[in-house]
PDB file of all heavy atoms in Angstrom:
ATOM      1  N   GLY A   1     150.160  33.662  87.916  1.00  0.00           N
ATOM      2  CA  GLY A   1     151.524  34.144  87.890  1.00  0.00           C
ATOM      3  C   GLY A   1     151.733  35.432  87.140  1.00  0.00           C
ATOM      4  O   GLY A   1     152.877  35.770  86.809  1.00  0.00           O
ATOM      5  N   PHE A   2     150.649  36.154  86.856  1.00  0.00           N
ATOM      6  CA  PHE A   2     150.808  37.428  86.168  1.00  0.00           C
ATOM      7  C   PHE A   2     149.802  38.433  86.690  1.00  0.00           C
ATOM      8  O   PHE A   2     148.777  38.085  87.253  1.00  0.00           O
ATOM      9  CB  PHE A   2     150.664  37.260  84.645  1.00  0.00           C
ATOM     10  CG  PHE A   2     149.431  36.522  84.210  1.00  0.00           C
ATOM     11  CD1 PHE A   2     148.214  37.181  84.102  1.00  0.00           C
ATOM     12  CD2 PHE A   2     149.495  35.175  83.898  1.00  0.00           C
ATOM     13  CE1 PHE A   2     147.077  36.509  83.691  1.00  0.00           C
ATOM     14  CE2 PHE A   2     148.358  34.493  83.486  1.00  0.00           C
ATOM     15  CZ  PHE A   2     147.151  35.157  83.386  1.00  0.00           C
ATOM     16  N   GLY A   3     150.142  39.707  86.501  1.00  0.00           N
ATOM     17  CA  GLY A   3     149.263  40.780  86.914  1.00  0.00           C
ATOM     18  C   GLY A   3     148.421  41.267  85.760  1.00  0.00           C
ATOM     19  O   GLY A   3     147.976  40.471  84.926  1.00  0.00           O
ATOM     20  N   THR A   4     148.230  42.583  85.697  1.00  0.00           N
ATOM     21  CA  THR A   4     147.426  43.154  84.623  1.00  0.00           C
ATOM     22  C   THR A   4     148.204  43.082  83.320  1.00  0.00           C
ATOM     23  O   THR A   4     149.355  43.531  83.249  1.00  0.00           O
ATOM     24  CB  THR A   4     147.075  44.613  84.947  1.00  0.00           C
ATOM     25  OG1 THR A   4     146.387  44.659  86.197  1.00  0.00           O
ATOM     26  CG2 THR A   4     146.189  45.202  83.854  1.00  0.00           C
ATOM     27  N   LEU A   5     147.573  42.525  82.318  1.00  0.00           N
ATOM     28  CA  LEU A   5     148.246  42.292  81.038  1.00  0.00           C
ATOM     29  C   LEU A   5     147.925  43.383  80.016  1.00  0.00           C
ATOM     30  O   LEU A   5     146.841  43.972  80.049  1.00  0.00           O
ATOM     31  CB  LEU A   5     147.796  40.946  80.460  1.00  0.00           C
ATOM     32  CG  LEU A   5     148.083  39.714  81.313  1.00  0.00           C
ATOM     33  CD1 LEU A   5     147.432  38.486  80.685  1.00  0.00           C
ATOM     34  CD2 LEU A   5     149.575  39.506  81.466  1.00  0.00           C
ATOM     35  N   THR A   6     148.841  43.603  79.120  1.00  0.00           N
ATOM     36  CA  THR A   6     148.522  44.336  77.900  1.00  0.00           C
ATOM     37  C   THR A   6     147.788  43.371  76.983  1.00  0.00           C
ATOM     38  O   THR A   6     148.288  42.277  76.702  1.00  0.00           O
ATOM     39  CB  THR A   6     149.793  44.861  77.226  1.00  0.00           C
ATOM     40  OG1 THR A   6     150.359  45.887  78.048  1.00  0.00           O
ATOM     41  CG2 THR A   6     149.495  45.427  75.847  1.00  0.00           C
ATOM     42  N   MET A   7     146.599  43.779  76.551  1.00  0.00           N
ATOM     43  CA  MET A   7     145.759  42.908  75.734  1.00  0.00           C
ATOM     44  C   MET A   7     145.237  43.677  74.534  1.00  0.00           C
ATOM     45  O   MET A   7     145.217  44.909  74.526  1.00  0.00           O
ATOM     46  CB  MET A   7     144.591  42.364  76.570  1.00  0.00           C
ATOM     47  CG  MET A   7     145.040  41.525  77.745  1.00  0.00           C
ATOM     48  SD  MET A   7     143.685  40.926  78.786  1.00  0.00           S
ATOM     49  CE  MET A   7     142.872  39.780  77.671  1.00  0.00           C
ATOM     50  N   GLY A   8     144.781  42.946  73.553  1.00  0.00           N
ATOM     51  CA  GLY A   8     144.303  43.642  72.373  1.00  0.00           C
ATOM     52  C   GLY A   8     143.420  42.793  71.496  1.00  0.00           C
ATOM     53  O   GLY A   8     143.205  41.608  71.749  1.00  0.00           O
ATOM     54  N   TRP A   9     142.910  43.454  70.473  1.00  0.00           N
ATOM     55  CA  TRP A   9     142.106  42.813  69.443  1.00  0.00           C
ATOM     56  C   TRP A   9     142.778  43.030  68.084  1.00  0.00           C
ATOM     57  O   TRP A   9     143.203  44.148  67.764  1.00  0.00           O
ATOM     58  CB  TRP A   9     140.698  43.410  69.414  1.00  0.00           C
ATOM     59  CG  TRP A   9     139.881  43.089  70.619  1.00  0.00           C
ATOM     60  CD1 TRP A   9     139.717  43.857  71.728  1.00  0.00           C
ATOM     61  CD2 TRP A   9     139.115  41.900  70.829  1.00  0.00           C
ATOM     62  NE1 TRP A   9     138.902  43.215  72.627  1.00  0.00           N
ATOM     63  CE2 TRP A   9     138.503  42.018  72.096  1.00  0.00           C
ATOM     64  CE3 TRP A   9     138.868  40.757  70.067  1.00  0.00           C
ATOM     65  CZ2 TRP A   9     137.676  41.025  72.629  1.00  0.00           C
ATOM     66  CZ3 TRP A   9     138.046  39.774  70.591  1.00  0.00           C
ATOM     67  CH2 TRP A   9     137.455  39.916  71.856  1.00  0.00           C
ATOM     68  N   HIS A  10     142.839  41.962  67.343  1.00  0.00           N
ATOM     69  CA  HIS A  10     143.278  42.005  65.958  1.00  0.00           C
ATOM     70  C   HIS A  10     142.162  41.390  65.114  1.00  0.00           C
ATOM     71  O   HIS A  10     141.264  40.738  65.654  1.00  0.00           O
ATOM     72  CB  HIS A  10     144.560  41.192  65.761  1.00  0.00           C
ATOM     73  CG  HIS A  10     145.771  41.789  66.413  1.00  0.00           C
ATOM     74  ND1 HIS A  10     145.918  41.909  67.768  1.00  0.00           N
ATOM     75  CD2 HIS A  10     146.907  42.296  65.862  1.00  0.00           C
ATOM     76  CE1 HIS A  10     147.081  42.473  68.046  1.00  0.00           C
ATOM     77  NE2 HIS A  10     147.699  42.719  66.908  1.00  0.00           N
ATOM     78  N   ARG A  11     142.230  41.593  63.821  1.00  0.00           N
ATOM     79  CA  ARG A  11     141.237  40.965  62.953  1.00  0.00           C
ATOM     80  C   ARG A  11     141.892  40.525  61.650  1.00  0.00           C
ATOM     81  O   ARG A  11     142.916  41.081  61.238  1.00  0.00           O
ATOM     82  CB  ARG A  11     140.068  41.909  62.656  1.00  0.00           C
ATOM     83  CG  ARG A  11     140.431  43.135  61.846  1.00  0.00           C
ATOM     84  CD  ARG A  11     139.236  44.085  61.750  1.00  0.00           C
ATOM     85  NE  ARG A  11     139.537  45.277  60.963  1.00  0.00           N
ATOM     86  CZ  ARG A  11     138.734  46.317  60.850  1.00  0.00           C
ATOM     87  NH1 ARG A  11     137.550  46.330  61.483  1.00  0.00           N
ATOM     88  NH2 ARG A  11     139.080  47.357  60.106  1.00  0.00           N
ATOM     89  N   GLN A  12     141.271  39.525  61.035  1.00  0.00           N
ATOM     90  CA  GLN A  12     141.777  39.012  59.765  1.00  0.00           C
ATOM     91  C   GLN A  12     140.599  38.720  58.857  1.00  0.00           C
ATOM     92  O   GLN A  12     139.741  37.884  59.170  1.00  0.00           O
ATOM     93  CB  GLN A  12     142.612  37.743  59.983  1.00  0.00           C
ATOM     94  CG  GLN A  12     143.315  37.279  58.735  1.00  0.00           C
ATOM     95  CD  GLN A  12     144.378  36.241  59.038  1.00  0.00           C
ATOM     96  OE1 GLN A  12     144.390  35.615  60.097  1.00  0.00           O
ATOM     97  NE2 GLN A  12     145.308  36.067  58.117  1.00  0.00           N
ATOM     98  N   ALA A  13     140.564  39.431  57.749  1.00  0.00           N
ATOM     99  CA  ALA A  13     139.543  39.197  56.732  1.00  0.00           C
ATOM    100  C   ALA A  13     140.068  38.174  55.731  1.00  0.00           C
ATOM    101  O   ALA A  13     141.287  37.987  55.611  1.00  0.00           O
ATOM    102  CB  ALA A  13     139.213  40.508  56.027  1.00  0.00           C
ATOM    103  N   PRO A  14     139.189  37.508  54.992  1.00  0.00           N
ATOM    104  CA  PRO A  14     139.630  36.508  54.016  1.00  0.00           C
ATOM    105  C   PRO A  14     140.626  37.090  53.022  1.00  0.00           C
ATOM    106  O   PRO A  14     140.391  38.164  52.453  1.00  0.00           O
ATOM    107  CB  PRO A  14     138.331  36.100  53.319  1.00  0.00           C
ATOM    108  CG  PRO A  14     137.267  36.357  54.326  1.00  0.00           C
ATOM    109  CD  PRO A  14     137.711  37.579  55.070  1.00  0.00           C
ATOM    110  N   GLY A  15     141.746  36.401  52.858  1.00  0.00           N
ATOM    111  CA  GLY A  15     142.756  36.840  51.912  1.00  0.00           C
ATOM    112  C   GLY A  15     143.588  38.018  52.369  1.00  0.00           C
ATOM    113  O   GLY A  15     144.410  38.528  51.596  1.00  0.00           O
ATOM    114  N   GLN A  16     143.383  38.459  53.602  1.00  0.00           N
ATOM    115  CA  GLN A  16     144.114  39.619  54.127  1.00  0.00           C
ATOM    116  C   GLN A  16     145.013  39.198  55.285  1.00  0.00           C
ATOM    117  O   GLN A  16     144.814  38.152  55.901  1.00  0.00           O
ATOM    118  CB  GLN A  16     143.136  40.690  54.612  1.00  0.00           C
ATOM    119  CG  GLN A  16     142.147  41.159  53.573  1.00  0.00           C
ATOM    120  CD  GLN A  16     142.811  41.904  52.440  1.00  0.00           C
ATOM    121  OE1 GLN A  16     143.711  42.720  52.672  1.00  0.00           O
ATOM    122  NE2 GLN A  16     142.394  41.621  51.224  1.00  0.00           N
ATOM    123  N   GLN A  17     145.991  40.067  55.576  1.00  0.00           N
ATOM    124  CA  GLN A  17     146.833  39.820  56.741  1.00  0.00           C
ATOM    125  C   GLN A  17     146.092  40.213  58.016  1.00  0.00           C
ATOM    126  O   GLN A  17     145.200  41.066  57.986  1.00  0.00           O
ATOM    127  CB  GLN A  17     148.126  40.639  56.622  1.00  0.00           C
ATOM    128  CG  GLN A  17     149.067  40.144  55.545  1.00  0.00           C
ATOM    129  CD  GLN A  17     150.414  40.855  55.602  1.00  0.00           C
ATOM    130  OE1 GLN A  17     150.513  42.000  56.040  1.00  0.00           O
ATOM    131  NE2 GLN A  17     151.457  40.173  55.168  1.00  0.00           N
ATOM    132  N   ARG A  18     146.494  39.608  59.107  1.00  0.00           N
ATOM    133  CA  ARG A  18     145.936  39.974  60.396  1.00  0.00           C
ATOM    134  C   ARG A  18     146.403  41.399  60.732  1.00  0.00           C
ATOM    135  O   ARG A  18     147.571  41.734  60.545  1.00  0.00           O
ATOM    136  CB  ARG A  18     146.375  39.001  61.483  1.00  0.00           C
ATOM    137  CG  ARG A  18     145.635  39.150  62.794  1.00  0.00           C
ATOM    138  CD  ARG A  18     145.998  38.034  63.765  1.00  0.00           C
ATOM    139  NE  ARG A  18     145.584  36.725  63.263  1.00  0.00           N
ATOM    140  CZ  ARG A  18     145.606  35.613  64.011  1.00  0.00           C
ATOM    141  NH1 ARG A  18     146.014  35.681  65.278  1.00  0.00           N
ATOM    142  NH2 ARG A  18     145.238  34.465  63.490  1.00  0.00           N
ATOM    143  N   GLU A  19     145.475  42.215  61.219  1.00  0.00           N
ATOM    144  CA  GLU A  19     145.809  43.604  61.521  1.00  0.00           C
ATOM    145  C   GLU A  19     145.337  43.982  62.918  1.00  0.00           C
ATOM    146  O   GLU A  19     144.339  43.460  63.431  1.00  0.00           O
ATOM    147  CB  GLU A  19     145.163  44.550  60.496  1.00  0.00           C
ATOM    148  CG  GLU A  19     143.649  44.537  60.485  1.00  0.00           C
ATOM    149  CD  GLU A  19     143.050  45.548  59.530  1.00  0.00           C
ATOM    150  OE1 GLU A  19     143.794  46.242  58.828  1.00  0.00           O
ATOM    151  OE2 GLU A  19     141.805  45.639  59.492  1.00  0.00           O
ATOM    152  N   LEU A  20     146.056  44.924  63.496  1.00  0.00           N
ATOM    153  CA  LEU A  20     145.698  45.429  64.806  1.00  0.00           C
ATOM    154  C   LEU A  20     144.412  46.233  64.721  1.00  0.00           C
ATOM    155  O   LEU A  20     144.236  47.045  63.805  1.00  0.00           O
ATOM    156  CB  LEU A  20     146.812  46.326  65.342  1.00  0.00           C
ATOM    157  CG  LEU A  20     146.487  47.109  66.614  1.00  0.00           C
ATOM    158  CD1 LEU A  20     146.373  46.162  67.793  1.00  0.00           C
ATOM    159  CD2 LEU A  20     147.540  48.174  66.863  1.00  0.00           C
ATOM    160  N   VAL A  21     143.520  46.017  65.684  1.00  0.00           N
ATOM    161  CA  VAL A  21     142.307  46.827  65.801  1.00  0.00           C
ATOM    162  C   VAL A  21     142.444  47.797  66.977  1.00  0.00           C
ATOM    163  O   VAL A  21     142.284  49.005  66.823  1.00  0.00           O
ATOM    164  CB  VAL A  21     141.067  45.939  65.995  1.00  0.00           C
ATOM    165  CG1 VAL A  21     139.826  46.793  66.233  1.00  0.00           C
ATOM    166  CG2 VAL A  21     140.870  45.015  64.792  1.00  0.00           C
ATOM    167  N   ALA A  22     142.753  47.249  68.148  1.00  0.00           N
ATOM    168  CA  ALA A  22     142.860  48.089  69.349  1.00  0.00           C
ATOM    169  C   ALA A  22     143.690  47.374  70.398  1.00  0.00           C
ATOM    170  O   ALA A  22     143.688  46.140  70.457  1.00  0.00           O
ATOM    171  CB  ALA A  22     141.473  48.413  69.911  1.00  0.00           C
ATOM    172  N   LEU A  23     144.401  48.177  71.208  1.00  0.00           N
ATOM    173  CA  LEU A  23     145.192  47.668  72.321  1.00  0.00           C
ATOM    174  C   LEU A  23     144.807  48.402  73.586  1.00  0.00           C
ATOM    175  O   LEU A  23     144.476  49.598  73.538  1.00  0.00           O
ATOM    176  CB  LEU A  23     146.676  47.909  72.076  1.00  0.00           C
ATOM    177  CG  LEU A  23     147.429  47.057  71.081  1.00  0.00           C
ATOM    178  CD1 LEU A  23     148.862  47.570  70.947  1.00  0.00           C
ATOM    179  CD2 LEU A  23     147.430  45.601  71.493  1.00  0.00           C
ATOM    180  N   ILE A  24     144.881  47.705  74.703  1.00  0.00           N
ATOM    181  CA  ILE A  24     144.805  48.371  75.991  1.00  0.00           C
ATOM    182  C   ILE A  24     146.009  47.905  76.798  1.00  0.00           C
ATOM    183  O   ILE A  24     146.206  46.707  77.030  1.00  0.00           O
ATOM    184  CB  ILE A  24     143.463  48.115  76.718  1.00  0.00           C
ATOM    185  CG1 ILE A  24     143.391  48.941  78.003  1.00  0.00           C
ATOM    186  CG2 ILE A  24     143.215  46.637  76.970  1.00  0.00           C
ATOM    187  CD1 ILE A  24     141.959  49.083  78.543  1.00  0.00           C
ATOM    188  N   TYR A  25     146.836  48.876  77.170  1.00  0.00           N
ATOM    189  CA  TYR A  25     148.074  48.551  77.859  1.00  0.00           C
ATOM    190  C   TYR A  25     147.802  48.280  79.344  1.00  0.00           C
ATOM    191  O   TYR A  25     146.740  48.640  79.875  1.00  0.00           O
ATOM    192  CB  TYR A  25     149.077  49.696  77.696  1.00  0.00           C
ATOM    193  CG  TYR A  25     149.543  49.869  76.265  1.00  0.00           C
ATOM    194  CD1 TYR A  25     148.890  50.733  75.392  1.00  0.00           C
ATOM    195  CD2 TYR A  25     150.631  49.144  75.781  1.00  0.00           C
ATOM    196  CE1 TYR A  25     149.308  50.874  74.076  1.00  0.00           C
ATOM    197  CE2 TYR A  25     151.061  49.283  74.480  1.00  0.00           C
ATOM    198  CZ  TYR A  25     150.387  50.149  73.631  1.00  0.00           C
ATOM    199  OH  TYR A  25     150.814  50.276  72.332  1.00  0.00           O
ATOM    200  N   SER A  26     148.785  47.696  79.992  1.00  0.00           N
ATOM    201  CA  SER A  26     148.620  47.364  81.412  1.00  0.00           C
ATOM    202  C   SER A  26     148.392  48.613  82.260  1.00  0.00           C
ATOM    203  O   SER A  26     147.776  48.539  83.323  1.00  0.00           O
ATOM    204  CB  SER A  26     149.832  46.591  81.923  1.00  0.00           C
ATOM    205  OG  SER A  26     151.021  47.326  81.717  1.00  0.00           O
ATOM    206  N   ASN A  27     148.845  49.786  81.774  1.00  0.00           N
ATOM    207  CA  ASN A  27     148.637  51.029  82.518  1.00  0.00           C
ATOM    208  C   ASN A  27     147.323  51.724  82.155  1.00  0.00           C
ATOM    209  O   ASN A  27     147.043  52.814  82.649  1.00  0.00           O
ATOM    210  CB  ASN A  27     149.810  51.993  82.302  1.00  0.00           C
ATOM    211  CG  ASN A  27     149.924  52.458  80.858  1.00  0.00           C
ATOM    212  OD1 ASN A  27     149.121  52.109  80.007  1.00  0.00           O
ATOM    213  ND2 ASN A  27     150.957  53.253  80.582  1.00  0.00           N
ATOM    214  N   GLY A  28     146.544  51.108  81.283  1.00  0.00           N
ATOM    215  CA  GLY A  28     145.246  51.659  80.912  1.00  0.00           C
ATOM    216  C   GLY A  28     145.234  52.471  79.640  1.00  0.00           C
ATOM    217  O   GLY A  28     144.149  52.806  79.134  1.00  0.00           O
ATOM    218  N   ALA A  29     146.384  52.812  79.103  1.00  0.00           N
ATOM    219  CA  ALA A  29     146.424  53.550  77.836  1.00  0.00           C
ATOM    220  C   ALA A  29     145.869  52.685  76.716  1.00  0.00           C
ATOM    221  O   ALA A  29     145.931  51.449  76.777  1.00  0.00           O
ATOM    222  CB  ALA A  29     147.851  53.967  77.533  1.00  0.00           C
ATOM    223  N   THR A  30     145.337  53.341  75.705  1.00  0.00           N
ATOM    224  CA  THR A  30     144.742  52.618  74.584  1.00  0.00           C
ATOM    225  C   THR A  30     145.323  53.089  73.258  1.00  0.00           C
ATOM    226  O   THR A  30     145.859  54.195  73.144  1.00  0.00           O
ATOM    227  CB  THR A  30     143.212  52.792  74.556  1.00  0.00           C
ATOM    228  OG1 THR A  30     142.909  54.196  74.470  1.00  0.00           O
ATOM    229  CG2 THR A  30     142.569  52.206  75.793  1.00  0.00           C
ATOM    230  N   LYS A  31     145.189  52.218  72.268  1.00  0.00           N
ATOM    231  CA  LYS A  31     145.659  52.526  70.913  1.00  0.00           C
ATOM    232  C   LYS A  31     144.662  51.902  69.946  1.00  0.00           C
ATOM    233  O   LYS A  31     144.193  50.789  70.176  1.00  0.00           O
ATOM    234  CB  LYS A  31     147.055  51.937  70.698  1.00  0.00           C
ATOM    235  CG  LYS A  31     147.620  52.124  69.310  1.00  0.00           C
ATOM    236  CD  LYS A  31     149.017  51.505  69.207  1.00  0.00           C
ATOM    237  CE  LYS A  31     149.598  51.654  67.818  1.00  0.00           C
ATOM    238  NZ  LYS A  31     150.973  51.081  67.736  1.00  0.00           N
ATOM    239  N   TYR A  32     144.371  52.647  68.867  1.00  0.00           N
ATOM    240  CA  TYR A  32     143.406  52.171  67.878  1.00  0.00           C
ATOM    241  C   TYR A  32     143.962  52.276  66.471  1.00  0.00           C
ATOM    242  O   TYR A  32     144.743  53.186  66.166  1.00  0.00           O
ATOM    243  CB  TYR A  32     142.117  53.011  67.935  1.00  0.00           C
ATOM    244  CG  TYR A  32     141.352  52.886  69.221  1.00  0.00           C
ATOM    245  CD1 TYR A  32     141.571  53.771  70.275  1.00  0.00           C
ATOM    246  CD2 TYR A  32     140.407  51.873  69.382  1.00  0.00           C
ATOM    247  CE1 TYR A  32     140.868  53.650  71.463  1.00  0.00           C
ATOM    248  CE2 TYR A  32     139.693  51.754  70.568  1.00  0.00           C
ATOM    249  CZ  TYR A  32     139.928  52.644  71.599  1.00  0.00           C
ATOM    250  OH  TYR A  32     139.223  52.516  72.773  1.00  0.00           O
ATOM    251  N   ALA A  33     143.512  51.369  65.617  1.00  0.00           N
ATOM    252  CA  ALA A  33     143.778  51.519  64.193  1.00  0.00           C
ATOM    253  C   ALA A  33     142.991  52.730  63.693  1.00  0.00           C
ATOM    254  O   ALA A  33     141.886  53.008  64.169  1.00  0.00           O
ATOM    255  CB  ALA A  33     143.328  50.267  63.441  1.00  0.00           C
ATOM    256  N   ASP A  34     143.551  53.437  62.717  1.00  0.00           N
ATOM    257  CA  ASP A  34     142.868  54.619  62.183  1.00  0.00           C
ATOM    258  C   ASP A  34     141.474  54.278  61.666  1.00  0.00           C
ATOM    259  O   ASP A  34     140.546  55.082  61.776  1.00  0.00           O
ATOM    260  CB  ASP A  34     143.696  55.242  61.062  1.00  0.00           C
ATOM    261  CG  ASP A  34     144.942  55.937  61.576  1.00  0.00           C
ATOM    262  OD1 ASP A  34     145.014  56.225  62.783  1.00  0.00           O
ATOM    263  OD2 ASP A  34     145.850  56.187  60.767  1.00  0.00           O
ATOM    264  N   SER A  35     141.327  53.089  61.111  1.00  0.00           N
ATOM    265  CA  SER A  35     140.064  52.702  60.483  1.00  0.00           C
ATOM    266  C   SER A  35     138.912  52.530  61.473  1.00  0.00           C
ATOM    267  O   SER A  35     137.753  52.515  61.064  1.00  0.00           O
ATOM    268  CB  SER A  35     140.247  51.413  59.694  1.00  0.00           C
ATOM    269  OG  SER A  35     140.680  50.372  60.552  1.00  0.00           O
ATOM    270  N   VAL A  36     139.233  52.418  62.769  1.00  0.00           N
ATOM    271  CA  VAL A  36     138.167  52.185  63.762  1.00  0.00           C
ATOM    272  C   VAL A  36     138.052  53.316  64.778  1.00  0.00           C
ATOM    273  O   VAL A  36     137.150  53.293  65.624  1.00  0.00           O
ATOM    274  CB  VAL A  36     138.350  50.839  64.491  1.00  0.00           C
ATOM    275  CG1 VAL A  36     138.482  49.702  63.475  1.00  0.00           C
ATOM    276  CG2 VAL A  36     139.528  50.861  65.441  1.00  0.00           C
ATOM    277  N   LYS A  37     138.950  54.285  64.716  1.00  0.00           N
ATOM    278  CA  LYS A  37     138.900  55.394  65.674  1.00  0.00           C
ATOM    279  C   LYS A  37     137.547  56.094  65.617  1.00  0.00           C
ATOM    280  O   LYS A  37     137.032  56.387  64.539  1.00  0.00           O
ATOM    281  CB  LYS A  37     140.018  56.400  65.380  1.00  0.00           C
ATOM    282  CG  LYS A  37     141.372  55.965  65.873  1.00  0.00           C
ATOM    283  CD  LYS A  37     142.436  57.015  65.560  1.00  0.00           C
ATOM    284  CE  LYS A  37     143.804  56.561  65.992  1.00  0.00           C
ATOM    285  NZ  LYS A  37     144.858  57.516  65.600  1.00  0.00           N
ATOM    286  N   GLY A  38     136.996  56.350  66.784  1.00  0.00           N
ATOM    287  CA  GLY A  38     135.713  57.021  66.861  1.00  0.00           C
ATOM    288  C   GLY A  38     134.520  56.083  66.768  1.00  0.00           C
ATOM    289  O   GLY A  38     133.383  56.481  67.013  1.00  0.00           O
ATOM    290  N   ARG A  39     134.769  54.830  66.391  1.00  0.00           N
ATOM    291  CA  ARG A  39     133.671  53.855  66.265  1.00  0.00           C
ATOM    292  C   ARG A  39     133.799  52.715  67.265  1.00  0.00           C
ATOM    293  O   ARG A  39     132.798  52.191  67.742  1.00  0.00           O
ATOM    294  CB  ARG A  39     133.638  53.274  64.847  1.00  0.00           C
ATOM    295  CG  ARG A  39     133.407  54.304  63.756  1.00  0.00           C
ATOM    296  CD  ARG A  39     133.186  53.625  62.399  1.00  0.00           C
ATOM    297  NE  ARG A  39     134.331  52.848  61.953  1.00  0.00           N
ATOM    298  CZ  ARG A  39     134.292  51.540  61.639  1.00  0.00           C
ATOM    299  NH1 ARG A  39     133.151  50.875  61.742  1.00  0.00           N
ATOM    300  NH2 ARG A  39     135.381  50.926  61.222  1.00  0.00           N
ATOM    301  N   PHE A  40     135.031  52.306  67.544  1.00  0.00           N
ATOM    302  CA  PHE A  40     135.279  51.185  68.446  1.00  0.00           C
ATOM    303  C   PHE A  40     135.892  51.703  69.744  1.00  0.00           C
ATOM    304  O   PHE A  40     136.672  52.666  69.737  1.00  0.00           O
ATOM    305  CB  PHE A  40     136.268  50.197  67.818  1.00  0.00           C
ATOM    306  CG  PHE A  40     135.744  49.424  66.630  1.00  0.00           C
ATOM    307  CD1 PHE A  40     134.546  49.733  66.016  1.00  0.00           C
ATOM    308  CD2 PHE A  40     136.492  48.365  66.129  1.00  0.00           C
ATOM    309  CE1 PHE A  40     134.092  49.019  64.921  1.00  0.00           C
ATOM    310  CE2 PHE A  40     136.055  47.632  65.039  1.00  0.00           C
ATOM    311  CZ  PHE A  40     134.856  47.961  64.431  1.00  0.00           C
ATOM    312  N   THR A  41     135.552  51.025  70.839  1.00  0.00           N
ATOM    313  CA  THR A  41     136.122  51.368  72.139  1.00  0.00           C
ATOM    314  C   THR A  41     136.578  50.104  72.841  1.00  0.00           C
ATOM    315  O   THR A  41     135.790  49.162  73.003  1.00  0.00           O
ATOM    316  CB  THR A  41     135.090  52.080  73.021  1.00  0.00           C
ATOM    317  OG1 THR A  41     134.614  53.254  72.349  1.00  0.00           O
ATOM    318  CG2 THR A  41     135.709  52.494  74.352  1.00  0.00           C
ATOM    319  N   ILE A  42     137.847  50.090  73.247  1.00  0.00           N
ATOM    320  CA  ILE A  42     138.379  48.971  74.016  1.00  0.00           C
ATOM    321  C   ILE A  42     138.359  49.368  75.487  1.00  0.00           C
ATOM    322  O   ILE A  42     138.664  50.516  75.836  1.00  0.00           O
ATOM    323  CB  ILE A  42     139.792  48.578  73.541  1.00  0.00           C
ATOM    324  CG1 ILE A  42     140.243  47.264  74.163  1.00  0.00           C
ATOM    325  CG2 ILE A  42     140.805  49.692  73.791  1.00  0.00           C
ATOM    326  CD1 ILE A  42     141.509  46.679  73.531  1.00  0.00           C
TER     327      ILE A  42
END
């Protein structure tokens, strides 16, 4: 019942809040946390 979804990765380290790592939107655009730019690819 759904088409292409916006999906992403988050991470949570011990004692830390969950944080965004990377998103890929339904149109193919991407977004990255500053801490992973240039190292991670979604």
